[in-house]
Protein backbone atom coordinates (compact mmCIF):
# COMPACT_ATOMS: atom_id res chain seq x y z
CA UNK A 1 -55.23 7.23 -54.86
CA UNK A 2 -56.10 8.50 -51.38
CA UNK A 3 -53.38 8.57 -48.80
CA UNK A 4 -53.81 7.59 -45.16
CA UNK A 5 -52.94 9.83 -42.23
CA UNK A 6 -50.08 7.43 -41.49
CA UNK A 7 -48.39 8.30 -44.77
CA UNK A 8 -48.39 11.98 -43.87
CA UNK A 9 -47.26 11.32 -40.31
CA UNK A 10 -44.31 9.25 -41.56
CA UNK A 11 -43.03 12.15 -43.69
CA UNK A 12 -43.24 14.56 -40.75
CA UNK A 13 -41.48 12.10 -38.45
CA UNK A 14 -38.71 11.37 -40.96
CA UNK A 15 -38.06 15.06 -41.59
CA UNK A 16 -37.82 15.69 -37.86
CA UNK A 17 -35.46 12.72 -37.51
CA UNK A 18 -33.31 13.98 -40.39
CA UNK A 19 -33.06 17.40 -38.79
CA UNK A 20 -31.79 15.97 -35.50
CA UNK A 21 -29.40 13.34 -36.89
CA UNK A 22 -25.76 14.44 -36.44
CA UNK A 23 -23.44 14.52 -39.47
CA UNK A 24 -21.30 11.89 -37.79
CA UNK A 25 -23.90 9.38 -39.00
CA UNK A 26 -23.75 9.70 -42.82
CA UNK A 27 -25.32 6.28 -43.43
CA UNK A 28 -28.36 7.19 -41.36
CA UNK A 29 -28.73 10.54 -43.12
CA UNK A 30 -28.48 8.82 -46.49
CA UNK A 31 -31.18 6.27 -45.56
CA UNK A 32 -33.57 8.87 -44.13
CA UNK A 33 -33.14 11.25 -47.07
CA UNK A 34 -33.74 8.46 -49.58
CA UNK A 35 -36.89 7.34 -47.74
CA UNK A 36 -38.30 10.86 -47.61
CA UNK A 37 -37.72 11.64 -51.30
CA UNK A 38 -39.25 8.28 -52.27
CA UNK A 39 -42.39 9.13 -50.29
CA UNK A 40 -42.61 12.61 -51.83
CA UNK A 41 -42.13 11.07 -55.26
CA UNK A 42 -44.94 8.62 -54.60
CA UNK A 43 -47.21 11.48 -53.49
CA UNK A 44 -46.31 13.46 -56.62
CA UNK A 45 -47.04 10.58 -59.01
CA UNK A 46 -50.49 10.23 -57.38
CA UNK A 47 -51.32 13.92 -57.92
CA UNK A 48 -51.11 14.82 -54.24
CA UNK A 49 -49.66 18.21 -55.25
CA UNK A 50 -52.53 19.02 -57.63
CA UNK A 51 -55.22 21.52 -56.66
CA UNK A 52 -58.58 20.01 -55.75
CA UNK A 53 -62.19 21.12 -55.42
CA UNK A 54 -62.24 19.51 -51.99
CA UNK A 55 -61.08 21.96 -49.26
CA UNK A 56 -59.81 19.06 -47.13
CA UNK A 57 -57.62 17.78 -49.96
CA UNK A 58 -56.34 21.31 -50.56
CA UNK A 59 -55.36 21.56 -46.90
CA UNK A 60 -53.43 18.31 -47.22
CA UNK A 61 -51.74 19.58 -50.37
CA UNK A 62 -50.71 22.84 -48.67
CA UNK A 63 -49.32 20.94 -45.70
CA UNK A 64 -47.43 18.59 -48.02
CA UNK A 65 -45.95 21.54 -49.93
CA UNK A 66 -44.80 23.09 -46.65
CA UNK A 67 -43.13 19.81 -45.67
CA UNK A 68 -41.42 19.56 -49.05
CA UNK A 69 -40.11 23.13 -48.75
CA UNK A 70 -38.82 22.42 -45.26
CA UNK A 71 -37.15 19.24 -46.50
CA UNK A 72 -35.56 21.19 -49.38
CA UNK A 73 -34.08 23.70 -46.92
CA UNK A 74 -32.51 20.94 -44.82
CA UNK A 75 -31.12 19.15 -47.87
CA UNK A 76 -29.60 22.29 -49.40
CA UNK A 77 -27.79 22.97 -46.12
CA UNK A 78 -26.41 19.41 -46.10
CA UNK A 79 -24.78 20.00 -49.50
CA UNK A 80 -22.23 22.13 -47.62
CA UNK A 81 -21.31 19.24 -45.34
CA UNK A 82 -17.64 18.36 -45.01
CA UNK A 83 -18.63 14.69 -45.23
CA UNK A 84 -18.49 13.74 -48.90
CA UNK A 85 -21.13 11.01 -48.60
CA UNK A 86 -23.62 13.40 -47.02
CA UNK A 87 -22.86 16.16 -49.55
CA UNK A 88 -23.30 13.87 -52.58
CA UNK A 89 -26.51 12.39 -51.18
CA UNK A 90 -27.92 15.85 -50.47
CA UNK A 91 -27.00 17.08 -53.96
CA UNK A 92 -28.79 14.19 -55.68
CA UNK A 93 -31.85 14.49 -53.44
CA UNK A 94 -32.02 18.26 -53.95
CA UNK A 95 -32.26 17.82 -57.70
CA UNK A 96 -35.06 15.27 -57.22
CA UNK A 97 -36.91 17.86 -55.14
CA UNK A 98 -36.44 20.30 -58.03
CA UNK A 99 -37.85 17.62 -60.33
CA UNK A 100 -41.00 17.35 -58.19
CA UNK A 101 -41.35 21.14 -58.15
CA UNK A 102 -41.02 21.45 -61.90
CA UNK A 103 -42.76 18.34 -63.19
CA UNK A 104 -45.59 17.89 -60.65
CA UNK A 105 -46.05 21.23 -58.89
CA UNK A 106 -45.42 23.15 -62.14
CA UNK A 107 -43.60 26.00 -60.42
CA UNK A 108 -40.46 27.89 -61.41
CA UNK A 109 -37.45 25.77 -60.42
CA UNK A 110 -34.90 28.53 -61.03
CA UNK A 111 -34.72 29.69 -57.37
CA UNK A 112 -34.10 26.17 -56.06
CA UNK A 113 -31.55 25.44 -58.81
CA UNK A 114 -29.71 28.60 -57.79
CA UNK A 115 -29.69 27.54 -54.14
CA UNK A 116 -28.33 24.11 -55.07
CA UNK A 117 -25.68 25.62 -57.36
CA UNK A 118 -24.59 28.14 -54.72
CA UNK A 119 -24.28 25.53 -51.99
CA UNK A 120 -22.42 23.07 -54.24
CA UNK A 121 -20.00 25.72 -55.58
CA UNK A 122 -19.02 26.81 -52.08
CA UNK A 123 -19.04 23.31 -50.56
CA UNK A 124 -15.80 21.87 -49.09
CA UNK A 125 -16.26 18.71 -51.17
CA UNK A 126 -16.18 18.63 -54.97
CA UNK A 127 -19.91 17.99 -55.19
CA UNK A 128 -20.22 20.79 -57.77
CA UNK A 129 -18.66 18.53 -60.40
CA UNK A 130 -21.79 16.39 -60.15
CA UNK A 131 -23.61 18.96 -62.28
CA UNK A 132 -21.96 17.51 -65.38
CA UNK A 133 -24.19 14.42 -65.10
CA UNK A 134 -27.37 16.52 -65.30
CA UNK A 135 -26.47 19.17 -67.87
CA UNK A 136 -27.21 16.96 -70.86
CA UNK A 137 -30.85 17.98 -70.31
CA UNK A 138 -31.58 21.23 -72.11
CA UNK A 139 -33.75 22.70 -69.36
CA UNK A 140 -31.41 21.80 -66.48
CA UNK A 141 -28.46 23.25 -68.38
CA UNK A 142 -30.41 26.42 -69.14
CA UNK A 143 -31.45 27.02 -65.51
CA UNK A 144 -27.93 26.22 -64.31
CA UNK A 145 -26.23 28.59 -66.77
CA UNK A 146 -28.62 31.39 -65.86
CA UNK A 147 -27.61 31.24 -62.21
CA UNK A 148 -23.82 31.03 -62.69
CA UNK A 149 -23.25 34.84 -62.61
CA UNK A 150 -25.26 35.01 -59.36
CA UNK A 151 -23.54 32.24 -57.43
CA UNK A 152 -19.92 33.39 -57.77
CA UNK A 153 -18.55 34.75 -54.52
CA UNK A 154 -15.45 36.86 -55.22
CA UNK A 155 -14.51 36.85 -51.52
CA UNK A 156 -14.55 33.09 -50.96
CA UNK A 157 -11.74 30.88 -52.33
CA UNK A 158 -11.90 32.23 -55.86
CA UNK A 159 -9.32 29.78 -57.26
CA UNK A 160 -11.38 26.77 -56.17
CA UNK A 161 -14.53 28.30 -57.66
CA UNK A 162 -12.67 28.88 -60.94
CA UNK A 163 -11.50 25.26 -61.09
CA UNK A 164 -15.01 23.95 -60.50
CA UNK A 165 -16.73 26.32 -62.92
CA UNK A 166 -14.17 25.66 -65.68
CA UNK A 167 -14.50 21.89 -65.20
CA UNK A 168 -18.29 21.96 -65.50
CA UNK A 169 -18.56 24.62 -68.22
CA UNK A 170 -15.74 22.97 -70.17
CA UNK A 171 -17.57 19.63 -70.10
CA UNK A 172 -20.56 21.02 -72.01
CA UNK A 173 -20.77 19.53 -75.47
CA UNK A 174 -23.32 18.75 -78.19
CA UNK A 175 -25.19 21.95 -77.41
CA UNK A 176 -28.29 22.67 -79.51
CA UNK A 177 -27.74 24.62 -82.71
CA UNK A 178 -31.41 25.16 -83.53
CA UNK A 179 -34.72 25.56 -81.69
CA UNK A 180 -35.79 22.14 -82.97
CA UNK A 181 -32.83 20.49 -81.22
CA UNK A 182 -34.03 21.57 -77.77
CA UNK A 183 -35.83 18.33 -76.95
CA UNK A 184 -34.27 16.90 -73.75
CA UNK A 185 -36.22 17.98 -70.66
CA UNK A 186 -35.57 16.89 -67.08
CA UNK A 187 -38.53 18.82 -65.66
CA UNK A 188 -40.92 18.14 -68.53
CA UNK A 189 -41.46 20.22 -71.65
CA UNK A 190 -42.88 23.64 -70.74
CA UNK A 191 -45.83 25.17 -72.54
CA UNK A 192 -44.56 28.28 -74.35
CA UNK A 193 -46.23 30.15 -77.19
CA UNK A 194 -44.58 30.28 -80.59
CA UNK A 195 -44.28 34.06 -80.39
CA UNK A 196 -42.41 33.74 -77.08
CA UNK A 197 -40.03 31.21 -78.62
CA UNK A 198 -39.29 33.52 -81.55
CA UNK A 199 -38.72 36.50 -79.28
CA UNK A 200 -36.03 34.53 -77.46
CA UNK A 201 -36.61 36.35 -74.20
CA UNK A 202 -35.88 34.08 -71.28
CA UNK A 203 -37.58 30.83 -72.15
CA UNK A 204 -36.16 27.35 -72.25
CA UNK A 205 -37.36 26.57 -75.79
CA UNK A 206 -35.44 29.40 -77.43
CA UNK A 207 -31.92 28.86 -78.77
CA UNK A 208 -31.20 32.57 -78.32
CA UNK A 209 -32.03 32.27 -74.62
CA UNK A 210 -29.72 29.27 -74.25
CA UNK A 211 -26.85 31.07 -75.98
CA UNK A 212 -27.34 34.22 -73.94
CA UNK A 213 -27.27 32.21 -70.71
CA UNK A 214 -24.19 30.32 -71.92
CA UNK A 215 -22.44 33.58 -72.77
CA UNK A 216 -23.24 35.25 -69.45
CA UNK A 217 -22.00 32.21 -67.53
CA UNK A 218 -18.67 32.20 -69.36
CA UNK A 219 -18.18 35.96 -69.11
CA UNK A 220 -18.79 35.85 -65.37
CA UNK A 221 -16.21 33.07 -65.04
CA UNK A 222 -13.61 34.77 -67.25
CA UNK A 223 -13.84 37.94 -65.16
CA UNK A 224 -12.42 36.04 -62.20
CA UNK A 225 -8.64 36.20 -61.57
CA UNK A 226 -7.64 33.06 -63.49
CA UNK A 227 -4.26 31.46 -62.93
CA UNK A 228 -1.90 30.55 -65.78
CA UNK A 229 -3.01 26.91 -65.61
CA UNK A 230 -6.66 27.92 -65.71
CA UNK A 231 -6.05 30.23 -68.67
CA UNK A 232 -4.38 27.36 -70.52
CA UNK A 233 -7.44 25.22 -69.82
CA UNK A 234 -9.70 27.97 -71.21
CA UNK A 235 -7.73 28.75 -74.35
CA UNK A 236 -7.22 25.11 -75.31
CA UNK A 237 -10.88 24.57 -76.22
CA UNK A 238 -12.49 28.02 -76.35
CA UNK A 239 -12.26 28.43 -80.13
CA UNK A 240 -14.00 25.08 -80.70
CA UNK A 241 -16.58 24.75 -77.91
CA UNK A 242 -17.23 28.23 -76.47
CA UNK A 243 -17.13 30.81 -79.27
CA UNK A 244 -19.55 28.93 -81.61
CA UNK A 245 -22.19 28.65 -78.84
CA UNK A 246 -22.25 32.30 -77.78
CA UNK A 247 -24.91 34.73 -78.89
CA UNK A 248 -22.34 37.51 -79.46
CA UNK A 249 -18.77 36.14 -79.50
CA UNK A 250 -17.50 39.66 -80.21
CA UNK A 251 -17.73 40.37 -76.46
CA UNK A 252 -14.57 38.23 -76.07
CA UNK A 253 -12.50 40.57 -78.23
CA UNK A 254 -10.97 42.47 -75.31
CA UNK A 255 -10.26 39.24 -73.45
CA UNK A 256 -8.38 37.73 -76.39
CA UNK A 257 -6.55 40.88 -77.45
CA UNK A 258 -5.36 41.52 -73.88
CA UNK A 259 -4.09 37.94 -73.66
CA UNK A 260 -2.42 38.22 -77.07
CA UNK A 261 -0.76 41.53 -76.18
CA UNK A 262 0.48 39.99 -72.93
CA UNK A 263 3.03 37.95 -74.88
CA UNK A 264 4.71 34.71 -73.88
CA UNK A 265 2.84 31.42 -73.60
CA UNK A 266 -0.47 33.22 -72.94
CA UNK A 267 -0.26 34.96 -76.32
CA UNK A 268 0.35 31.64 -78.05
CA UNK A 269 -2.65 30.05 -76.34
CA UNK A 270 -4.89 32.98 -77.28
CA UNK A 271 -3.92 32.76 -80.96
CA UNK A 272 -6.56 30.29 -82.10
CA UNK A 273 -9.52 32.04 -80.51
CA UNK A 274 -8.35 35.43 -81.67
CA UNK A 275 -7.94 34.21 -85.24
CA UNK A 276 -11.47 32.72 -85.10
CA UNK A 277 -12.86 36.12 -84.12
CA UNK A 278 -10.91 37.80 -86.93
CA UNK A 279 -11.91 35.26 -89.54
CA UNK A 280 -15.54 34.56 -88.60
CA UNK A 281 -16.70 37.59 -86.64
CA UNK A 282 -14.85 40.48 -88.32
CA UNK A 283 -12.64 41.43 -85.41
CA UNK A 284 -10.35 44.26 -86.51
CA UNK A 285 -6.81 43.53 -85.30
CA UNK A 286 -4.45 45.24 -87.76
CA UNK A 287 -1.25 44.22 -85.91
CA UNK A 288 -2.07 40.51 -85.81
CA UNK A 289 0.83 39.39 -88.03
CA UNK A 290 3.22 41.84 -86.42
CA UNK A 291 2.44 40.31 -83.05
CA UNK A 292 2.62 36.82 -84.54
CA UNK A 293 6.09 37.58 -85.90
CA UNK A 294 7.22 38.88 -82.52
CA UNK A 295 6.23 35.57 -80.89
CA UNK A 296 9.12 33.92 -82.69
CA UNK A 297 11.38 36.27 -80.74
CA UNK A 298 14.41 34.49 -79.37
CA UNK A 299 13.30 31.06 -80.53
CA UNK A 300 12.06 29.83 -77.16
CA UNK A 301 8.94 28.45 -78.87
CA UNK A 302 11.14 25.98 -80.77
CA UNK A 303 12.12 24.31 -77.51
CA UNK A 304 8.83 24.67 -75.63
CA UNK A 305 6.11 22.08 -75.08
CA UNK A 306 3.81 24.25 -77.22
CA UNK A 307 5.98 23.90 -80.35
CA UNK A 308 3.65 21.54 -82.20
CA UNK A 309 0.62 23.69 -81.39
CA UNK A 310 2.44 26.81 -82.61
CA UNK A 311 3.40 25.26 -85.96
CA UNK A 312 -0.17 24.11 -86.54
CA UNK A 313 -1.48 27.61 -85.89
CA UNK A 314 1.28 29.27 -87.89
CA UNK A 315 0.46 27.04 -90.85
CA UNK A 316 -3.20 28.01 -90.51
CA UNK A 317 -2.47 31.75 -90.33
CA UNK A 318 -0.28 31.63 -93.45
CA UNK A 319 -2.77 29.55 -95.43
CA UNK A 320 -4.20 32.54 -97.30
CA UNK A 321 -2.58 33.06 -100.70
CA UNK A 322 -3.61 36.73 -100.56
CA UNK A 323 -1.09 37.65 -97.89
CA UNK A 324 1.68 40.06 -98.92
CA UNK A 325 4.73 37.96 -99.77
CA UNK A 326 6.79 39.93 -97.28
CA UNK A 327 4.91 38.37 -94.33
CA UNK A 328 5.54 34.66 -95.09
CA UNK A 329 9.04 35.60 -96.28
CA UNK A 330 9.82 37.27 -92.95
CA UNK A 331 8.47 34.34 -90.96
CA UNK A 332 10.41 31.80 -93.04
CA UNK A 333 13.60 33.82 -92.74
CA UNK A 334 13.15 34.20 -88.99
CA UNK A 335 12.65 30.44 -88.63
CA UNK A 336 15.69 29.81 -90.81
CA UNK A 337 17.80 32.11 -88.63
CA UNK A 338 16.55 30.44 -85.46
CA UNK A 339 17.40 27.05 -86.95
CA UNK A 340 21.11 27.84 -86.58
CA UNK A 341 20.86 27.02 -82.88
CA UNK A 342 17.60 25.06 -82.66
CA UNK A 343 17.52 21.40 -81.55
CA UNK A 344 17.22 18.70 -84.23
CA UNK A 345 13.64 17.89 -83.14
CA UNK A 346 12.59 21.42 -84.10
CA UNK A 347 14.61 21.47 -87.31
CA UNK A 348 12.83 18.46 -88.79
CA UNK A 349 9.63 20.51 -88.44
CA UNK A 350 11.04 23.87 -89.56
CA UNK A 351 12.40 22.61 -92.89
CA UNK A 352 9.20 20.93 -94.21
CA UNK A 353 7.22 23.92 -92.90
CA UNK A 354 9.36 26.27 -95.01
CA UNK A 355 9.04 23.95 -98.00
CA UNK A 356 5.24 23.99 -97.70
CA UNK A 357 5.19 27.78 -97.49
CA UNK A 358 7.35 28.01 -100.61
CA UNK A 359 4.80 25.87 -102.44
CA UNK A 360 1.96 28.02 -101.13
CA UNK A 361 3.67 31.39 -101.76
CA UNK A 362 5.72 30.92 -104.96
CA UNK A 363 6.92 34.55 -104.89
CA UNK A 364 9.18 33.58 -102.00
CA UNK A 365 10.95 30.86 -104.02
CA UNK A 366 13.54 33.41 -105.15
CA UNK A 367 14.87 33.30 -101.58
CA UNK A 368 16.38 29.89 -102.34
CA UNK A 369 17.44 30.66 -105.93
CA UNK A 370 19.02 34.06 -105.37
CA UNK A 371 22.31 34.34 -107.26
CA UNK A 372 23.61 37.30 -105.26
CA UNK A 373 25.83 36.19 -102.43
CA UNK A 374 24.02 37.08 -99.20
CA UNK A 375 25.53 34.27 -97.17
CA UNK A 376 26.41 35.26 -93.61
CA UNK A 377 24.91 37.86 -91.29
CA UNK A 378 27.16 40.71 -92.47
CA UNK A 379 26.12 40.51 -96.12
CA UNK A 380 22.51 39.54 -95.42
CA UNK A 381 20.02 42.42 -95.97
CA UNK A 382 17.60 40.80 -93.51
CA UNK A 383 17.14 42.99 -90.43
CA UNK A 384 16.62 40.58 -87.56
CA UNK A 385 16.03 43.44 -85.10
CA UNK A 386 13.04 44.77 -87.04
CA UNK A 387 9.71 43.90 -85.35
CA UNK A 388 7.48 44.62 -88.35
CA UNK A 389 7.46 41.69 -90.81
CA UNK A 390 6.63 44.11 -93.62
CA UNK A 391 9.94 45.92 -93.15
CA UNK A 392 12.51 43.18 -92.46
CA UNK A 393 13.71 42.97 -96.10
CA UNK A 394 13.52 39.18 -95.79
CA UNK A 395 12.21 38.97 -99.34
CA UNK A 396 15.58 40.40 -100.53
CA UNK A 397 17.51 37.84 -98.55
CA UNK A 398 18.36 34.17 -98.96
CA UNK A 399 17.77 31.07 -96.88
CA UNK A 400 21.47 30.36 -96.57
CA UNK A 401 20.84 29.07 -93.05
CA UNK A 402 18.94 26.07 -94.44
CA UNK A 403 21.78 25.39 -96.86
CA UNK A 404 24.09 25.14 -93.86
CA UNK A 405 21.80 22.50 -92.39
CA UNK A 406 22.86 20.12 -95.20
CA UNK A 407 26.06 19.63 -93.16
CA UNK A 408 24.23 19.08 -89.89
CA UNK A 409 25.52 16.34 -87.59
CA UNK A 410 22.06 14.74 -87.36
CA UNK A 411 21.45 12.64 -90.52
CA UNK A 412 17.68 13.28 -90.61
CA UNK A 413 18.19 17.04 -90.52
CA UNK A 414 20.94 16.95 -93.17
CA UNK A 415 18.79 14.84 -95.48
CA UNK A 416 15.74 17.05 -94.91
CA UNK A 417 17.69 20.22 -95.71
CA UNK A 418 18.51 18.85 -99.16
CA UNK A 419 14.90 19.32 -100.32
CA UNK A 420 15.33 23.07 -100.81
CA UNK A 421 18.30 22.59 -103.13
CA UNK A 422 16.32 20.27 -105.42
CA UNK A 423 13.52 20.99 -107.91
CA UNK A 424 10.32 21.52 -105.94
CA UNK A 425 8.30 18.79 -107.63
CA UNK A 426 7.17 17.06 -104.47
CA UNK A 427 3.73 17.81 -103.06
CA UNK A 428 3.51 19.60 -99.76
CA UNK A 429 4.56 17.63 -96.71
CA UNK A 430 2.08 16.46 -94.07
CA UNK A 431 3.32 18.67 -91.27
CA UNK A 432 1.79 16.48 -88.56
CA UNK A 433 4.37 13.78 -89.36
CA UNK A 434 7.20 16.06 -88.18
CA UNK A 435 5.77 17.88 -85.16
CA UNK A 436 6.32 15.29 -82.46
CA UNK A 437 10.02 14.67 -82.98
CA UNK A 438 12.58 15.05 -80.21
CA UNK A 439 16.11 13.88 -79.45
CA UNK A 440 14.64 10.59 -78.27
CA UNK A 441 12.59 9.89 -81.41
CA UNK A 442 15.43 10.88 -83.73
CA UNK A 443 17.85 8.65 -81.86
CA UNK A 444 15.37 5.76 -82.00
CA UNK A 445 15.02 6.18 -85.76
CA UNK A 446 18.79 5.85 -86.22
CA UNK A 447 19.56 3.24 -83.58
CA UNK A 448 18.49 0.22 -85.63
CA UNK A 449 19.36 1.62 -89.01
CA UNK A 450 21.77 -0.60 -90.98
CA UNK A 451 24.36 1.25 -93.01
CA UNK A 452 26.70 0.03 -95.73
CA UNK A 453 29.72 -2.03 -94.69
CA UNK A 454 32.83 0.14 -94.26
CA UNK A 455 35.52 0.02 -96.97
CA UNK A 456 38.55 -2.05 -96.02
CA UNK A 457 42.16 -1.70 -97.24
CA UNK A 458 42.96 -5.40 -96.84
CA UNK A 459 41.45 -8.71 -97.76
CA UNK A 460 38.84 -9.95 -95.34
CA UNK A 461 40.22 -13.40 -94.34
CA UNK A 462 38.62 -15.74 -91.84
CA UNK A 463 41.16 -16.74 -89.24
CA UNK A 464 39.02 -19.51 -87.84
CA UNK A 465 37.29 -22.09 -89.97
CA UNK A 466 34.52 -23.87 -88.14
CA UNK A 467 34.59 -26.68 -90.72
CA UNK A 468 38.15 -27.54 -89.61
CA UNK A 469 37.24 -27.69 -85.99
CA UNK A 470 38.39 -24.20 -85.19
CA UNK A 471 41.96 -24.52 -86.47
CA UNK A 472 43.53 -21.25 -87.58
CA UNK A 473 43.95 -21.82 -91.29
CA UNK A 474 45.91 -18.59 -91.82
CA UNK A 475 48.81 -19.85 -89.71
CA UNK A 476 51.28 -22.58 -90.60
CA UNK A 477 53.43 -24.38 -88.04
């Protein structure tokens, strides 16, 4: 459909008005920007950006393209506005301009996507988080991930950039696992040859290209100086959502091993991802169990907020029945020793954990049936100062510490400790049932418990008989 000169004049006038409107008028900027993008969208749907045999129509198209590019430059600059309304409006409009460029002009949208991403990452307002709404489209996500390594500015508020990147990258889910699953396109499905798809070299229809872009984006982010809180955010989900979607997860080996060797809470958080690399990607880490044993250290994990997470991971790492018996024996003995001064909430997890490991590693059962008296630290062959679980001599020791727990002041702990002195006929315990206990939960479980009536050394006589009107029947006047 042919367009009148008035339609073109209106776009030029609106762009000029937008350029001169001060940022103190966000409502006006929003209205003008919306009007302009609606007009460009109308032009695009009527093929105004398509090449024509008519030189006059081509001149109009070239002029329209120039106006659109000028509009894009103004809008990208407004993304950096300190006014949140203006920044959010500009961000949404900029992506609609990218849509026109990709779907109707059929040009590469990567440069504009990079400009939008750069402006939004550095913006004073949290407009960058708006990317999460658009990254469900395979092509938008691909172009965005490709530009992440280029938009990071190591000299400009790195901590804020880390927060924003981790929030957006961490929100990515349901990523394609096969070329056939790449079906959601914001800019329209591109025409790519089958040979190009198979080669996987930089095209939006190739899973290899998507995974390479995903990997580069994460590596660029992880190279930034992350705070402890940011590292916790990374390690919490990396094993489940990041490692499986990388083209070569082995590149994270140094990152995980450095974190694991660091010790403390960082080492605990890195455990899951490191074990995934060992188990699924053949990472060679010969001192894994030695380092795992050292994490028990002084028992601080038994009183930390990460206790439940640690027991889950520890149970996973000891799940192989092909481990040398000395390793689970050392870990059980260390936990038993720590139980001597651990809080009751930790003890009700330690005891069923040890029971489960006994069921899983029957060779260690002799630690609870040993006839030789090894009770007490002086007679105990266990070397608690040894850092190598293969050399602690725990397998020659006894779990006398758990036997002592049968006299614990907390009834739940005392009852739980009895299980190791009985025939082990019960199935393994569901560890999850014991991981969330604390002083509060244990107190609540006992508060309403009704015990047996105490034994009395005299006859229980009612002094007042309601049937007699409250007269004291035990007295005579």
